N, C-alpha and C. Protein backbone atom coordinates (compact mmCIF):
# COMPACT_ATOMS: atom_id res chain seq x y z
N MET A 1 -80.39 -87.20 -121.59
CA MET A 1 -81.82 -86.85 -121.20
C MET A 1 -82.63 -86.78 -122.43
N GLU A 2 -83.83 -87.09 -122.35
CA GLU A 2 -84.84 -87.27 -123.39
C GLU A 2 -85.74 -86.04 -123.12
N LEU A 3 -85.99 -85.20 -124.18
CA LEU A 3 -86.92 -84.16 -124.16
C LEU A 3 -87.91 -84.30 -125.09
N PRO A 4 -89.33 -84.54 -124.33
CA PRO A 4 -90.41 -84.76 -125.07
C PRO A 4 -90.85 -83.47 -125.86
N ILE A 5 -91.28 -83.86 -127.25
CA ILE A 5 -91.93 -82.66 -128.08
C ILE A 5 -93.16 -83.15 -128.57
N ALA A 6 -94.06 -82.11 -128.83
CA ALA A 6 -95.39 -82.32 -129.41
C ALA A 6 -95.85 -81.11 -130.04
N CYS A 7 -96.77 -81.26 -131.02
CA CYS A 7 -97.41 -80.14 -131.51
C CYS A 7 -98.47 -79.67 -130.70
N ARG A 8 -98.95 -78.58 -131.07
CA ARG A 8 -100.10 -77.96 -130.17
C ARG A 8 -101.39 -78.82 -130.15
N CYS A 9 -101.68 -79.51 -131.22
CA CYS A 9 -102.96 -80.41 -131.15
C CYS A 9 -102.56 -81.72 -130.59
N GLY A 10 -101.38 -82.15 -130.54
CA GLY A 10 -100.87 -83.43 -130.10
C GLY A 10 -101.02 -84.69 -131.08
N ARG A 11 -101.07 -84.29 -132.27
CA ARG A 11 -101.20 -85.25 -133.39
C ARG A 11 -99.80 -85.78 -133.85
N VAL A 12 -98.76 -84.91 -133.45
CA VAL A 12 -97.50 -85.34 -133.65
C VAL A 12 -96.70 -85.21 -132.30
N THR A 13 -95.96 -86.27 -131.98
CA THR A 13 -95.12 -86.42 -130.72
C THR A 13 -93.79 -86.89 -131.10
N GLY A 14 -92.95 -86.80 -130.21
CA GLY A 14 -91.61 -87.56 -130.20
C GLY A 14 -90.72 -87.01 -129.20
N GLU A 15 -89.50 -87.09 -129.35
CA GLU A 15 -88.45 -86.65 -128.27
C GLU A 15 -87.11 -86.42 -129.15
N VAL A 16 -86.44 -85.60 -128.32
CA VAL A 16 -84.89 -85.37 -128.80
C VAL A 16 -84.16 -86.19 -127.73
N ARG A 17 -83.27 -87.12 -128.22
CA ARG A 17 -82.43 -87.80 -127.34
C ARG A 17 -81.13 -87.17 -127.16
N GLY A 18 -80.67 -87.27 -125.85
CA GLY A 18 -79.30 -86.81 -125.70
C GLY A 18 -79.34 -85.12 -125.58
N ALA A 19 -80.53 -84.47 -125.17
CA ALA A 19 -80.59 -83.17 -125.24
C ALA A 19 -79.87 -82.45 -124.11
N VAL A 20 -78.68 -82.18 -124.17
CA VAL A 20 -77.91 -81.62 -123.14
C VAL A 20 -77.24 -80.32 -123.95
N PRO A 21 -76.80 -79.28 -123.15
CA PRO A 21 -76.37 -78.06 -123.91
C PRO A 21 -75.07 -78.50 -124.93
N ALA A 22 -74.41 -79.39 -124.70
CA ALA A 22 -73.38 -79.91 -125.71
C ALA A 22 -73.92 -80.28 -127.16
N THR A 23 -75.17 -80.73 -127.03
CA THR A 23 -75.75 -81.36 -128.36
C THR A 23 -76.98 -80.64 -128.92
N VAL A 24 -77.12 -79.49 -128.28
CA VAL A 24 -78.24 -78.54 -129.00
C VAL A 24 -77.71 -77.30 -129.10
N ASN A 25 -78.34 -76.35 -130.09
CA ASN A 25 -77.97 -75.14 -130.36
C ASN A 25 -79.22 -74.22 -130.27
N ARG A 26 -79.40 -73.43 -129.23
CA ARG A 26 -80.67 -72.51 -129.02
C ARG A 26 -80.24 -71.14 -129.43
N VAL A 27 -81.00 -70.56 -130.42
CA VAL A 27 -80.59 -69.33 -131.00
C VAL A 27 -81.97 -68.43 -131.20
N VAL A 28 -81.77 -67.22 -131.18
CA VAL A 28 -82.96 -66.35 -131.68
C VAL A 28 -82.46 -65.88 -133.20
N CYS A 29 -83.19 -66.16 -134.07
CA CYS A 29 -82.80 -65.82 -135.62
C CYS A 29 -83.89 -64.80 -135.99
N TYR A 30 -83.05 -63.73 -136.65
CA TYR A 30 -83.96 -62.54 -137.35
C TYR A 30 -83.83 -62.62 -138.81
N CYS A 31 -83.51 -63.65 -139.42
CA CYS A 31 -83.55 -63.76 -140.72
C CYS A 31 -84.79 -63.80 -141.48
N ASP A 32 -84.90 -63.24 -142.72
CA ASP A 32 -86.12 -63.09 -143.56
C ASP A 32 -87.02 -64.47 -143.56
N ASP A 33 -86.19 -65.56 -143.77
CA ASP A 33 -86.76 -66.90 -143.92
C ASP A 33 -87.38 -67.17 -142.65
N CYS A 34 -86.80 -67.05 -141.45
CA CYS A 34 -87.63 -67.50 -140.29
C CYS A 34 -88.90 -66.61 -139.95
N GLN A 35 -88.77 -65.26 -140.26
CA GLN A 35 -89.94 -64.48 -140.10
C GLN A 35 -91.06 -64.96 -141.16
N ALA A 36 -90.60 -65.14 -142.45
CA ALA A 36 -91.66 -65.61 -143.25
C ALA A 36 -92.23 -67.05 -143.05
N PHE A 37 -91.37 -67.98 -142.41
CA PHE A 37 -92.00 -69.22 -141.96
C PHE A 37 -92.99 -68.94 -140.85
N ALA A 38 -92.70 -68.16 -139.87
CA ALA A 38 -93.70 -67.92 -138.82
C ALA A 38 -95.01 -67.39 -139.47
N ARG A 39 -94.92 -66.43 -140.39
CA ARG A 39 -96.12 -65.84 -140.93
C ARG A 39 -96.80 -66.89 -141.87
N HIS A 40 -96.15 -67.70 -142.45
CA HIS A 40 -96.75 -68.80 -143.30
C HIS A 40 -97.64 -69.74 -142.29
N LEU A 41 -96.98 -69.94 -141.09
CA LEU A 41 -97.93 -70.71 -140.08
C LEU A 41 -99.00 -69.89 -139.57
N GLY A 42 -98.87 -68.66 -139.82
CA GLY A 42 -100.07 -67.77 -139.10
C GLY A 42 -99.64 -67.68 -137.76
N ARG A 43 -98.39 -67.63 -137.35
CA ARG A 43 -97.98 -67.55 -136.11
C ARG A 43 -96.90 -66.48 -135.74
N ASP A 44 -97.54 -65.16 -136.05
CA ASP A 44 -96.58 -64.10 -135.63
C ASP A 44 -96.21 -63.87 -134.24
N ASP A 45 -97.07 -64.48 -133.31
CA ASP A 45 -96.89 -64.46 -131.99
C ASP A 45 -95.61 -65.33 -131.51
N LEU A 46 -95.07 -65.99 -132.45
CA LEU A 46 -93.75 -66.77 -132.29
C LEU A 46 -92.53 -65.75 -132.37
N LEU A 47 -92.83 -64.63 -133.10
CA LEU A 47 -91.66 -63.64 -133.16
C LEU A 47 -91.66 -62.78 -131.93
N ASP A 48 -90.36 -62.35 -131.46
CA ASP A 48 -90.32 -61.47 -130.59
C ASP A 48 -90.54 -60.02 -131.16
N GLU A 49 -90.46 -59.00 -130.18
CA GLU A 49 -90.84 -57.51 -130.65
C GLU A 49 -89.82 -57.05 -131.65
N SER A 50 -88.70 -57.65 -131.84
CA SER A 50 -87.84 -57.31 -132.90
C SER A 50 -87.86 -58.28 -134.24
N GLY A 51 -88.82 -59.23 -134.22
CA GLY A 51 -89.07 -60.07 -135.38
C GLY A 51 -88.11 -61.39 -135.14
N GLY A 52 -87.56 -61.66 -134.02
CA GLY A 52 -86.76 -62.77 -133.80
C GLY A 52 -87.53 -64.12 -133.67
N SER A 53 -87.12 -65.28 -134.06
CA SER A 53 -87.66 -66.54 -133.89
C SER A 53 -86.77 -67.36 -132.83
N ASP A 54 -87.33 -67.92 -131.82
CA ASP A 54 -86.58 -68.71 -130.84
C ASP A 54 -86.48 -70.18 -131.57
N ILE A 55 -85.20 -70.53 -131.84
CA ILE A 55 -85.08 -71.90 -132.54
C ILE A 55 -84.17 -72.80 -131.75
N VAL A 56 -84.48 -73.93 -131.57
CA VAL A 56 -83.53 -74.97 -131.11
C VAL A 56 -83.00 -76.03 -132.20
N GLN A 57 -81.93 -75.93 -132.53
CA GLN A 57 -81.18 -76.86 -133.57
C GLN A 57 -80.77 -78.02 -132.94
N VAL A 58 -81.03 -79.24 -133.64
CA VAL A 58 -80.74 -80.55 -133.09
C VAL A 58 -80.12 -81.49 -134.20
N ALA A 59 -79.36 -82.34 -134.00
CA ALA A 59 -78.97 -83.22 -135.13
C ALA A 59 -79.98 -84.15 -135.50
N PRO A 60 -80.24 -84.44 -136.61
CA PRO A 60 -81.26 -85.34 -137.12
C PRO A 60 -81.37 -86.59 -136.44
N ALA A 61 -80.09 -87.21 -136.19
CA ALA A 61 -79.97 -88.54 -135.39
C ALA A 61 -80.59 -88.50 -133.95
N THR A 62 -80.61 -87.45 -133.49
CA THR A 62 -81.18 -87.39 -132.06
C THR A 62 -82.74 -87.10 -132.07
N LEU A 63 -83.26 -86.94 -133.17
CA LEU A 63 -84.79 -86.57 -133.26
C LEU A 63 -85.64 -87.78 -133.52
N GLN A 64 -86.54 -88.25 -132.74
CA GLN A 64 -87.52 -89.39 -133.13
C GLN A 64 -88.81 -88.62 -133.02
N VAL A 65 -89.58 -88.87 -134.12
CA VAL A 65 -90.95 -88.20 -134.28
C VAL A 65 -91.92 -89.33 -134.59
N ARG A 66 -92.94 -89.39 -133.89
CA ARG A 66 -94.07 -90.28 -134.23
C ARG A 66 -95.21 -89.24 -134.62
N ALA A 67 -95.62 -89.53 -135.94
CA ALA A 67 -96.49 -88.58 -136.64
C ALA A 67 -97.40 -89.31 -137.58
N ASN A 68 -98.21 -88.78 -138.17
CA ASN A 68 -99.20 -89.31 -139.16
C ASN A 68 -99.06 -88.22 -140.30
N GLU A 69 -100.17 -88.13 -141.07
CA GLU A 69 -100.19 -87.30 -142.20
C GLU A 69 -100.16 -85.81 -141.93
N ALA A 70 -100.26 -85.46 -140.52
CA ALA A 70 -100.21 -83.96 -139.98
C ALA A 70 -98.86 -83.50 -140.32
N LEU A 71 -97.70 -84.26 -140.25
CA LEU A 71 -96.34 -83.79 -140.24
C LEU A 71 -96.11 -83.08 -141.70
N ARG A 72 -95.37 -82.03 -141.71
CA ARG A 72 -94.87 -81.31 -143.04
C ARG A 72 -93.65 -81.03 -142.74
N CYS A 73 -92.78 -80.88 -143.95
CA CYS A 73 -91.41 -80.38 -143.88
C CYS A 73 -91.06 -79.74 -145.16
N PRO A 74 -91.42 -78.50 -145.42
CA PRO A 74 -90.90 -77.84 -146.53
C PRO A 74 -89.36 -77.54 -146.54
N ARG A 75 -88.78 -77.47 -147.53
CA ARG A 75 -87.17 -77.16 -147.55
C ARG A 75 -87.21 -75.74 -148.15
N LEU A 76 -86.56 -75.01 -147.43
CA LEU A 76 -86.47 -73.58 -147.71
C LEU A 76 -85.23 -73.17 -148.65
N ASP A 77 -84.16 -73.90 -148.44
CA ASP A 77 -83.09 -73.78 -149.38
C ASP A 77 -82.23 -75.09 -149.43
N GLN A 78 -81.09 -75.10 -149.89
CA GLN A 78 -80.24 -76.54 -149.93
C GLN A 78 -79.83 -77.06 -148.61
N ARG A 79 -80.06 -76.28 -147.63
CA ARG A 79 -79.53 -76.65 -146.25
C ARG A 79 -80.63 -77.03 -145.31
N ASP A 80 -81.61 -76.26 -145.24
CA ASP A 80 -82.60 -76.09 -144.17
C ASP A 80 -83.90 -76.59 -144.41
N TYR A 81 -84.41 -77.44 -143.42
CA TYR A 81 -85.65 -78.02 -143.48
C TYR A 81 -86.50 -77.33 -142.34
N ARG A 82 -87.89 -77.09 -142.59
CA ARG A 82 -88.66 -76.65 -141.55
C ARG A 82 -89.82 -77.51 -141.26
N TRP A 83 -89.80 -78.11 -140.14
CA TRP A 83 -90.88 -79.07 -139.64
C TRP A 83 -91.99 -78.38 -139.01
N TYR A 84 -93.24 -78.85 -139.34
CA TYR A 84 -94.39 -78.25 -138.73
C TYR A 84 -95.48 -79.33 -138.89
């Protein structure tokens, strides 16, 4: 199954290939980093009433992105990247 993705303005598009329950991990995260990232984006509305962020984790090989200079990817630590 291909799952289309896009940013709010439509300048970045793509898809996740093979998006089935066995290949994705959907969680609500309450860590300080996720909360800080939502606030960095000016999107406190992405946090639930307890400060949780709805996150879908996918393997990099399943993600195809068509983008231009609008795509950003800060690295928060040695493991995690945040795309926006």
